[in-house]
Amino acid sequence: MIEVLSGRYGTCDGVSRRSFVRVGCLGIAGLNLADLFRTRARAGQTKSTRDGSAVIQIFLGGGPSHIDTFDPKPSAPTEFRGAFRAIGTDVPGVIVSELFPRLAKNLDKVSIVRSLRHTTADHGSGSHWVMTGYPAPQALLRTNARPSTGSIAAKLRGGLGSGVPPYVALPNDPSFANAAYLGPAYNPFTLTGDPTKTLRVRDLDPAPGITLERLDDRRRLLHELDSIDRSRDDSGMMEGLDEFYAQAYQLITDPKARRAFDLSAEPAKVRERYGMTSVGQSCLLARRLIEAGTTFVTVADGGWDHHDNIPKRCRIQAPMLDSALSALVSDLSDRGLSNRVLVVVWGEFGRTPRVNRSAGRDHWPGAMSAILAGGGLKTGIVVGSTGSKGEFPVERPLGPEDVIQTMYHVLGIDPNHEFIDDSGRPTRVLNQGAPIPELI
């Protein structure tokens, strides 16, 4: 049996989630992964105009400081400016924090949106807004109130290649990355294990003593069981033993699918360039999965909830992101993938412009930044701006829904497409915002 479990992600308000998908080759557990692949067939009902496009979303869980990352304020008073210098980039007139020297040399390949904002300072509500495009009251946030962007992509686009899931979260799924009323078939496929220590993702290996020949015998047995009167199965579980089960089986047995998850196939220099960190190796794995046919990958990089000691925390965490992001953007460009693969980097909100008494910054939805690269969008530009102290947008205020509409534009997904929600009402993919015209 293959067992795939997500890790935990926590913030100061205690928001956490732990989900699991068990992929078994004998019994009901095997149906969940089969359901994942059902997305590929159903996606044929809604053809995309950009069938080769894909998205890698890097979610900085906890909410990074916009001032200490991509919107520095070198002329502001010390209590706003913070501990870090601003440095120039390869785009004249554009600066970033000194914590991102590698990205600074590749800024011509990305664009920065500096004028994002929304209205909730709660981790759960903010994460839901960024993951789905919709705000949601905290009282409704025991699970997704709306489908995540990745789940929408899995539903309407499916995957681009055989044997790999259409939607993957690495190294685990962050809060509100799931499918809500679309059903568990469109939740992200998640992995266990630390990509910095596990060269081959062990969850694609059968359990000890289970050879691929025995696995095939069990598959044939399930096929024979499938001939039992299916009409008596009101639960729909038996559907997991149809042709879509064969696609789940393919994830385990298809050499192409297995190679996609095998980081040991990458040269050591490439792995080191991304950084031997969780975010670095997850970004590298995301690139490999996109090349193999996955449509949407969310890389979860938590721990950005810096209420205290930002200088120490950022000096540890930001260089890891700098290496991972700069390597990913360069790799996609060098491999000719920039026109079809969009990279989006953001968190659930920004941080307070004024440094607090603990040398940290608190929750601040009034201003936040995002990085967008590739996807055929314009690069080397800055969209919007905040005031001299980074408090609020003063030019081109935008919301999470505008970034997500831009993702849907790249993916060729119609935001006016309607689903039927749990209450039986038609619900649009996204009923607010618009693609960011400066980037298109």
Protein backbone atom coordinates (compact mmCIF):
# COMPACT_ATOMS: atom_id res chain seq x y z
CA MET A 1 0.00 0.00 0.00
CA ILE A 2 1.09 3.53 -0.71
CA GLU A 3 0.21 5.99 2.03
CA VAL A 4 0.24 9.69 1.27
CA LEU A 5 -0.19 12.07 4.19
CA SER A 6 0.11 15.80 4.49
CA GLY A 7 2.14 17.56 7.15
CA ARG A 8 0.93 20.27 9.51
CA TYR A 9 0.90 23.97 8.94
CA GLY A 10 0.36 26.27 11.88
CA THR A 11 0.11 29.99 12.58
CA CYS A 12 -0.26 32.19 15.63
CA ASP A 13 -4.07 31.79 15.73
CA GLY A 14 -3.83 28.02 15.74
CA VAL A 15 -5.06 27.47 12.19
CA SER A 16 -3.95 24.05 11.08
CA ARG A 17 -5.08 21.26 8.86
CA ARG A 18 -4.14 17.67 8.43
CA SER A 19 -5.62 15.83 5.49
CA PHE A 20 -4.82 12.48 4.03
CA VAL A 21 -5.21 10.50 0.86
CA ARG A 22 -4.51 6.80 1.20
CA VAL A 23 -3.63 5.07 -2.00
CA GLY A 24 -4.17 1.35 -1.62
CA CYS A 25 -4.18 -1.39 -4.17
CA LEU A 26 -6.57 -3.62 -2.23
CA GLY A 27 -9.75 -2.10 -0.86
CA ILE A 28 -11.73 1.11 -0.75
CA ALA A 29 -8.68 3.26 0.10
CA GLY A 30 -7.50 2.87 -3.46
CA LEU A 31 -10.48 4.74 -4.79
CA ASN A 32 -9.41 8.20 -3.69
CA LEU A 33 -6.49 8.40 -6.08
CA ALA A 34 -8.60 6.90 -8.83
CA ASP A 35 -11.04 9.72 -8.25
CA LEU A 36 -8.21 12.18 -8.74
CA PHE A 37 -7.66 10.91 -12.24
CA ARG A 38 -11.35 11.10 -13.03
CA THR A 39 -10.72 14.83 -13.33
CA ARG A 40 -8.87 14.28 -16.57
CA ALA A 41 -11.88 12.78 -18.30
CA ARG A 42 -14.40 15.20 -16.85
CA ALA A 43 -12.20 18.10 -17.84
CA GLY A 44 -12.96 17.25 -21.44
CA GLN A 45 -16.41 18.75 -20.88
CA THR A 46 -14.88 22.23 -20.68
CA LYS A 47 -12.09 22.68 -23.17
CA SER A 48 -9.43 25.24 -22.35
CA THR A 49 -8.18 27.67 -24.91
CA ARG A 50 -4.67 27.27 -23.46
CA ASP A 51 -4.34 23.53 -23.00
CA GLY A 52 -0.57 23.60 -22.48
CA SER A 53 -0.56 26.15 -19.66
CA ALA A 54 0.12 25.41 -16.01
CA VAL A 55 0.63 27.19 -12.68
CA ILE A 56 3.13 26.83 -9.85
CA GLN A 57 1.87 28.72 -6.80
CA ILE A 58 4.30 29.28 -3.93
CA PHE A 59 2.22 30.06 -0.85
CA LEU A 60 4.13 31.82 1.94
CA GLY A 61 1.96 30.71 4.81
CA GLY A 62 1.74 33.10 7.76
CA GLY A 63 2.00 36.26 5.69
CA PRO A 64 5.42 37.70 4.76
CA SER A 65 6.33 41.32 5.36
CA HIS A 66 6.00 43.22 2.08
CA ILE A 67 8.45 45.86 3.34
CA ASP A 68 11.15 43.31 4.19
CA THR A 69 10.78 41.45 0.88
CA PHE A 70 9.52 43.02 -2.36
CA ASP A 71 8.39 46.54 -1.38
CA PRO A 72 11.20 48.07 0.70
CA LYS A 73 10.93 51.62 2.00
CA PRO A 74 14.53 52.88 2.32
CA SER A 75 13.49 56.49 2.95
CA ALA A 76 10.98 55.71 5.69
CA PRO A 77 11.75 56.22 9.40
CA THR A 78 13.62 53.34 11.02
CA GLU A 79 10.55 51.97 12.78
CA PHE A 80 8.95 51.46 9.35
CA ARG A 81 12.03 50.79 7.23
CA GLY A 82 13.18 47.88 9.35
CA ALA A 83 16.58 46.21 9.53
CA PHE A 84 17.28 45.50 5.88
CA ARG A 85 18.76 47.61 3.10
CA ALA A 86 17.19 47.94 -0.32
CA ILE A 87 19.26 46.77 -3.30
CA GLY A 88 19.02 47.49 -7.00
CA THR A 89 17.97 44.90 -9.55
CA ASP A 90 18.57 44.19 -13.23
CA VAL A 91 15.44 46.27 -13.90
CA PRO A 92 16.45 49.95 -13.69
CA GLY A 93 14.72 51.83 -10.89
CA VAL A 94 13.27 48.73 -9.20
CA ILE A 95 14.54 47.72 -5.76
CA VAL A 96 14.00 44.73 -3.48
CA SER A 97 15.22 43.76 -0.03
CA GLU A 98 18.87 42.84 0.34
CA LEU A 99 17.63 39.39 1.36
CA PHE A 100 16.93 38.58 -2.33
CA PRO A 101 20.21 39.12 -4.20
CA ARG A 102 19.65 36.22 -6.61
CA LEU A 103 16.15 37.30 -7.50
CA ALA A 104 17.48 40.84 -8.01
CA LYS A 105 19.66 39.51 -10.84
CA ASN A 106 16.64 37.82 -12.45
CA LEU A 107 13.99 40.47 -11.91
CA ASP A 108 13.65 40.98 -15.66
CA LYS A 109 12.00 37.55 -15.69
CA VAL A 110 9.35 38.45 -13.08
CA SER A 111 6.90 41.20 -12.24
CA ILE A 112 5.96 42.55 -8.82
CA VAL A 113 2.44 43.52 -7.81
CA ARG A 114 2.86 45.88 -4.85
CA SER A 115 -0.70 47.13 -4.40
CA LEU A 116 -2.61 44.08 -3.18
CA ARG A 117 -4.91 44.41 -0.20
CA HIS A 118 -8.00 42.93 1.38
CA THR A 119 -9.97 43.40 4.58
CA THR A 120 -9.28 40.50 6.96
CA ALA A 121 -6.36 40.16 9.37
CA ASP A 122 -7.29 36.57 10.28
CA HIS A 123 -5.03 33.81 8.97
CA GLY A 124 -7.92 31.54 8.08
CA SER A 125 -10.05 34.12 6.30
CA GLY A 126 -7.03 35.61 4.53
CA SER A 127 -5.78 32.22 3.38
CA HIS A 128 -9.23 31.29 2.10
CA TRP A 129 -9.39 34.55 0.13
CA VAL A 130 -5.99 33.99 -1.46
CA MET A 131 -6.61 30.30 -2.16
CA THR A 132 -10.09 30.69 -3.64
CA GLY A 133 -10.68 34.32 -4.62
CA TYR A 134 -13.53 34.59 -2.11
CA PRO A 135 -13.56 35.99 1.43
CA ALA A 136 -15.20 33.80 4.03
CA PRO A 137 -16.25 34.50 7.64
CA GLN A 138 -14.13 32.70 10.20
CA ALA A 139 -17.22 30.83 11.40
CA LEU A 140 -17.40 29.02 8.05
CA LEU A 141 -13.75 28.04 7.92
CA ARG A 142 -13.67 24.54 9.31
CA THR A 143 -12.98 23.58 5.70
CA ASN A 144 -13.09 25.22 2.31
CA ALA A 145 -16.23 27.27 1.75
CA ARG A 146 -15.25 27.56 -1.93
CA PRO A 147 -13.05 25.43 -4.19
CA SER A 148 -9.39 26.37 -4.33
CA THR A 149 -7.85 27.67 -7.53
CA GLY A 150 -5.96 24.41 -7.95
CA SER A 151 -9.14 22.39 -7.54
CA ILE A 152 -10.88 24.52 -10.17
CA ALA A 153 -7.96 23.85 -12.51
CA ALA A 154 -8.16 20.11 -11.80
CA LYS A 155 -11.89 20.10 -12.49
CA LEU A 156 -11.91 22.16 -15.68
CA ARG A 157 -8.49 21.40 -17.09
CA GLY A 158 -7.41 18.03 -15.76
CA GLY A 159 -3.82 16.98 -16.31
CA LEU A 160 -1.59 17.39 -19.34
CA GLY A 161 0.03 13.96 -19.24
CA SER A 162 -0.77 10.40 -18.28
CA GLY A 163 0.15 8.94 -14.93
CA VAL A 164 0.54 12.15 -12.92
CA PRO A 165 -2.12 13.94 -10.84
CA PRO A 166 -3.49 17.19 -12.28
CA TYR A 167 -3.18 19.03 -8.94
CA VAL A 168 -0.38 18.50 -6.43
CA ALA A 169 0.56 20.22 -3.15
CA LEU A 170 4.18 20.07 -1.93
CA PRO A 171 5.47 19.12 0.54
CA ASN A 172 1.95 19.18 2.04
CA ASP A 173 -1.31 21.00 1.43
CA PRO A 174 -1.76 24.43 3.03
CA SER A 175 -5.03 25.57 4.52
CA PHE A 176 -7.98 25.89 2.14
CA ALA A 177 -6.27 24.22 -0.81
CA ASN A 178 -9.14 21.74 -1.20
CA ALA A 179 -12.11 21.31 -3.50
CA ALA A 180 -15.17 22.11 -1.31
CA TYR A 181 -18.37 21.19 -3.15
CA LEU A 182 -16.48 19.94 -6.22
CA GLY A 183 -15.75 16.79 -4.23
CA PRO A 184 -12.61 15.02 -2.97
CA ALA A 185 -11.61 13.93 -6.46
CA TYR A 186 -10.31 17.47 -6.99
CA ASN A 187 -8.35 17.83 -3.76
CA PRO A 188 -4.58 18.09 -4.20
CA PHE A 189 -2.42 15.00 -4.28
CA THR A 190 -0.03 15.35 -1.32
CA LEU A 191 3.17 13.61 -0.29
CA THR A 192 4.99 12.69 2.86
CA GLY A 193 8.68 12.87 3.45
CA ASP A 194 11.26 15.62 3.39
CA PRO A 195 12.39 16.27 -0.20
CA THR A 196 15.80 17.31 1.09
CA LYS A 197 16.40 13.86 2.56
CA THR A 198 14.40 11.51 0.35
CA LEU A 199 15.97 11.31 -3.09
CA ARG A 200 13.17 9.09 -4.38
CA VAL A 201 9.69 9.86 -3.11
CA ARG A 202 9.12 6.65 -1.20
CA ASP A 203 5.34 6.85 -1.33
CA LEU A 204 5.42 5.68 -4.94
CA ASP A 205 6.98 2.39 -3.89
CA PRO A 206 4.76 -0.59 -3.00
CA ALA A 207 4.90 -1.81 0.57
CA PRO A 208 7.66 -4.28 1.48
CA GLY A 209 6.96 -7.68 -0.01
CA ILE A 210 4.55 -6.32 -2.63
CA THR A 211 6.18 -6.67 -6.04
CA LEU A 212 4.72 -5.07 -9.13
CA GLU A 213 3.69 -8.59 -10.21
CA ARG A 214 1.67 -9.06 -7.02
CA LEU A 215 0.28 -5.57 -7.45
CA ASP A 216 -0.89 -6.55 -10.92
CA ASP A 217 -2.50 -9.72 -9.54
CA ARG A 218 -4.44 -7.65 -7.04
CA ARG A 219 -5.51 -5.27 -9.77
CA ARG A 220 -6.87 -8.21 -11.78
CA LEU A 221 -8.70 -9.42 -8.67
CA LEU A 222 -10.32 -6.04 -8.26
CA HIS A 223 -11.34 -6.14 -11.90
CA GLU A 224 -13.03 -9.47 -11.30
CA LEU A 225 -14.78 -8.11 -8.21
CA ASP A 226 -15.93 -5.24 -10.36
CA SER A 227 -18.02 -7.68 -12.37
CA ILE A 228 -20.28 -8.17 -9.33
CA ASP A 229 -23.67 -6.51 -9.79
CA ARG A 230 -22.61 -2.85 -9.79
CA SER A 231 -26.20 -1.70 -9.84
CA ARG A 232 -26.51 -2.57 -6.17
CA ASP A 233 -23.81 -0.12 -5.18
CA ASP A 234 -25.62 3.09 -4.29
CA SER A 235 -22.53 4.75 -2.82
CA GLY A 236 -20.72 5.05 -6.15
CA MET A 237 -17.58 3.49 -4.68
CA MET A 238 -17.46 0.79 -7.33
CA GLU A 239 -16.79 3.49 -9.90
CA GLY A 240 -13.29 3.59 -8.49
CA LEU A 241 -12.65 0.22 -10.08
CA ASP A 242 -13.28 1.41 -13.63
CA GLU A 243 -10.87 2.81 -16.18
CA PHE A 244 -9.96 5.62 -13.79
CA TYR A 245 -8.65 3.07 -11.31
CA ALA A 246 -6.33 2.00 -14.10
CA GLN A 247 -4.97 5.54 -14.22
CA ALA A 248 -4.37 5.49 -10.45
CA TYR A 249 -2.56 2.20 -10.91
CA GLN A 250 -0.52 3.87 -13.62
CA LEU A 251 0.86 6.38 -11.13
CA ILE A 252 2.54 3.50 -9.34
CA THR A 253 3.65 1.49 -12.35
CA ASP A 254 4.25 4.02 -15.13
CA PRO A 255 8.00 4.72 -15.38
CA LYS A 256 7.30 8.25 -16.62
CA ALA A 257 5.16 9.05 -13.57
CA ARG A 258 7.69 7.54 -11.20
CA ARG A 259 10.52 9.49 -12.83
CA ALA A 260 8.62 12.74 -12.37
CA PHE A 261 8.72 12.28 -8.58
CA ASP A 262 12.34 11.11 -8.54
CA LEU A 263 14.57 14.04 -7.55
CA SER A 264 17.64 11.84 -7.71
CA ALA A 265 17.36 12.11 -11.50
CA GLU A 266 18.41 15.75 -11.24
CA PRO A 267 22.12 16.63 -11.30
CA ALA A 268 23.52 17.55 -7.91
CA LYS A 269 24.38 21.05 -9.15
CA VAL A 270 20.76 21.68 -10.11
CA ARG A 271 19.47 20.51 -6.74
CA GLU A 272 22.02 22.68 -4.96
CA ARG A 273 21.06 25.70 -7.08
CA TYR A 274 17.47 25.40 -5.89
CA GLY A 275 18.77 24.89 -2.36
CA MET A 276 18.73 21.72 -0.26
CA THR A 277 15.74 23.07 1.66
CA SER A 278 12.10 22.10 1.75
CA VAL A 279 11.02 25.04 -0.41
CA GLY A 280 13.95 24.60 -2.79
CA GLN A 281 13.44 20.92 -3.47
CA SER A 282 9.67 21.34 -3.57
CA CYS A 283 10.06 23.97 -6.30
CA LEU A 284 12.34 21.65 -8.24
CA LEU A 285 9.84 18.82 -7.89
CA ALA A 286 7.08 21.21 -9.00
CA ARG A 287 9.01 21.93 -12.18
CA ARG A 288 9.43 18.21 -12.85
CA LEU A 289 5.73 17.52 -12.29
CA ILE A 290 4.69 20.35 -14.60
CA GLU A 291 6.98 18.95 -17.28
CA ALA A 292 5.40 15.52 -16.78
CA GLY A 293 1.86 16.87 -17.19
CA THR A 294 0.59 18.23 -13.88
CA THR A 295 -1.50 21.39 -14.40
CA PHE A 296 -1.36 23.07 -10.98
CA VAL A 297 1.20 22.74 -8.16
CA THR A 298 1.03 24.57 -4.85
CA VAL A 299 4.31 24.73 -2.93
CA ALA A 300 3.59 25.42 0.74
CA ASP A 301 6.33 27.38 2.50
CA GLY A 302 5.04 28.13 5.99
CA GLY A 303 6.53 29.94 8.95
CA TRP A 304 6.23 33.54 7.72
CA ASP A 305 4.13 34.64 10.72
CA HIS A 306 6.89 36.87 12.09
CA HIS A 307 5.44 38.62 15.14
CA ASP A 308 8.87 38.91 16.71
CA ASN A 309 12.53 39.12 15.76
CA ILE A 310 12.07 39.68 12.05
CA PRO A 311 15.80 40.32 11.44
CA LYS A 312 16.80 36.87 12.68
CA ARG A 313 13.84 35.02 11.18
CA CYS A 314 14.04 36.62 7.76
CA ARG A 315 17.80 36.13 7.52
CA ILE A 316 17.17 32.39 7.89
CA GLN A 317 14.04 32.03 5.77
CA ALA A 318 14.34 34.57 2.96
CA PRO A 319 17.59 33.21 1.46
CA MET A 320 15.93 29.80 1.06
CA LEU A 321 13.09 31.38 -0.90
CA ASP A 322 15.55 33.53 -2.86
CA SER A 323 17.47 30.46 -4.06
CA ALA A 324 14.34 28.44 -4.84
CA LEU A 325 12.51 31.20 -6.69
CA SER A 326 15.46 32.47 -8.72
CA ALA A 327 16.39 28.91 -9.76
CA LEU A 328 12.80 28.07 -10.70
CA VAL A 329 12.31 31.21 -12.79
CA SER A 330 15.65 30.72 -14.55
CA ASP A 331 14.98 27.04 -15.17
CA LEU A 332 11.59 27.67 -16.71
CA SER A 333 13.12 30.31 -18.97
CA ASP A 334 16.05 28.12 -20.00
CA ARG A 335 13.72 25.20 -20.76
CA GLY A 336 11.43 27.28 -22.92
CA LEU A 337 8.53 26.97 -20.47
CA SER A 338 8.03 30.62 -19.54
CA ASN A 339 5.29 31.17 -22.08
CA ARG A 340 3.07 28.46 -20.67
CA VAL A 341 4.00 28.08 -16.97
CA LEU A 342 2.99 30.84 -14.55
CA VAL A 343 4.70 31.19 -11.16
CA VAL A 344 2.82 33.09 -8.43
CA VAL A 345 4.40 33.85 -5.02
CA TRP A 346 2.33 35.34 -2.19
CA GLY A 347 0.96 34.88 1.33
CA GLU A 348 -2.39 35.55 2.97
CA PHE A 349 -1.57 39.18 3.86
CA GLY A 350 1.31 41.56 4.55
CA ARG A 351 2.70 42.74 7.89
CA THR A 352 2.25 45.96 9.82
CA PRO A 353 4.37 48.78 8.40
CA ARG A 354 5.53 49.76 11.87
CA VAL A 355 7.85 47.32 13.64
CA ASN A 356 6.41 46.26 17.00
CA ARG A 357 8.11 46.15 20.40
CA SER A 358 9.25 42.60 19.81
CA ALA A 359 11.15 43.57 16.65
CA GLY A 360 8.45 41.87 14.59
CA ARG A 361 5.48 42.88 12.50
CA ASP A 362 1.85 41.89 13.02
CA HIS A 363 -0.96 41.00 10.62
CA TRP A 364 -1.73 43.65 8.01
CA PRO A 365 -4.21 43.06 5.15
CA GLY A 366 -3.97 46.70 4.10
CA ALA A 367 -0.94 46.08 1.85
CA MET A 368 0.82 43.02 0.46
CA SER A 369 2.99 42.08 -2.50
CA ALA A 370 3.04 39.22 -4.98
CA ILE A 371 5.52 37.97 -7.56
CA LEU A 372 4.27 36.75 -10.95
CA ALA A 373 6.54 35.23 -13.57
CA GLY A 374 6.03 33.42 -16.85
CA GLY A 375 2.69 32.28 -18.20
CA GLY A 376 3.23 34.46 -21.24
CA LEU A 377 2.72 37.57 -19.08
CA LYS A 378 4.81 40.71 -19.25
CA THR A 379 7.82 40.72 -16.95
CA GLY A 380 10.28 43.23 -15.58
CA ILE A 381 7.55 45.60 -14.44
CA VAL A 382 6.01 46.73 -11.16
CA VAL A 383 2.24 47.06 -10.87
CA GLY A 384 0.91 49.50 -8.30
CA SER A 385 2.58 51.06 -5.30
CA THR A 386 2.10 51.71 -1.61
CA GLY A 387 2.72 54.93 0.28
CA SER A 388 6.06 56.05 1.67
CA LYS A 389 5.58 53.94 4.81
CA GLY A 390 4.03 50.92 3.10
CA GLU A 391 0.69 51.31 4.79
CA PHE A 392 -1.82 51.20 1.93
CA PRO A 393 -1.86 51.14 -1.87
CA VAL A 394 -1.76 54.60 -3.41
CA GLU A 395 -1.75 53.42 -7.01
CA ARG A 396 -3.72 50.56 -8.64
CA PRO A 397 -5.25 48.90 -5.54
CA LEU A 398 -5.91 45.25 -6.36
CA GLY A 399 -7.24 42.23 -4.49
CA PRO A 400 -6.47 38.49 -4.36
CA GLU A 401 -9.30 37.94 -6.83
CA ASP A 402 -7.42 39.95 -9.47
CA VAL A 403 -4.35 37.72 -9.15
CA ILE A 404 -6.52 34.60 -9.36
CA GLN A 405 -8.34 35.99 -12.40
CA THR A 406 -4.89 36.40 -13.95
CA MET A 407 -4.16 32.73 -13.18
CA TYR A 408 -7.41 31.72 -14.84
CA HIS A 409 -6.53 33.87 -17.84
CA VAL A 410 -3.25 31.97 -18.22
CA LEU A 411 -5.00 28.61 -17.74
CA GLY A 412 -7.73 29.49 -20.23
CA ILE A 413 -10.45 28.96 -17.60
CA ASP A 414 -13.70 30.88 -17.98
CA PRO A 415 -14.44 32.55 -14.60
CA ASN A 416 -18.13 32.68 -15.55
CA HIS A 417 -18.39 28.90 -15.73
CA GLU A 418 -20.94 27.69 -13.18
CA PHE A 419 -20.97 24.75 -10.80
CA ILE A 420 -23.77 23.53 -8.57
CA ASP A 421 -22.81 24.02 -4.93
CA ASP A 422 -23.91 21.99 -1.91
CA SER A 423 -27.14 23.95 -1.62
CA GLY A 424 -28.08 23.20 -5.22
CA ARG A 425 -27.44 26.73 -6.45
CA PRO A 426 -25.38 27.61 -9.54
CA THR A 427 -22.11 29.26 -8.49
CA ARG A 428 -19.59 30.94 -10.76
CA VAL A 429 -15.92 30.02 -10.72
CA LEU A 430 -15.11 33.60 -9.68
CA ASN A 431 -17.57 36.50 -9.67
CA GLN A 432 -15.19 39.35 -8.85
CA GLY A 433 -11.91 40.84 -10.01
CA ALA A 434 -10.33 40.85 -13.45
CA PRO A 435 -7.03 39.81 -15.03
CA ILE A 436 -4.37 42.44 -14.34
CA PRO A 437 -4.16 44.31 -17.67
CA GLU A 438 -0.64 45.65 -17.12
CA LEU A 439 0.63 42.05 -17.16
CA ILE A 440 -1.25 40.82 -20.23
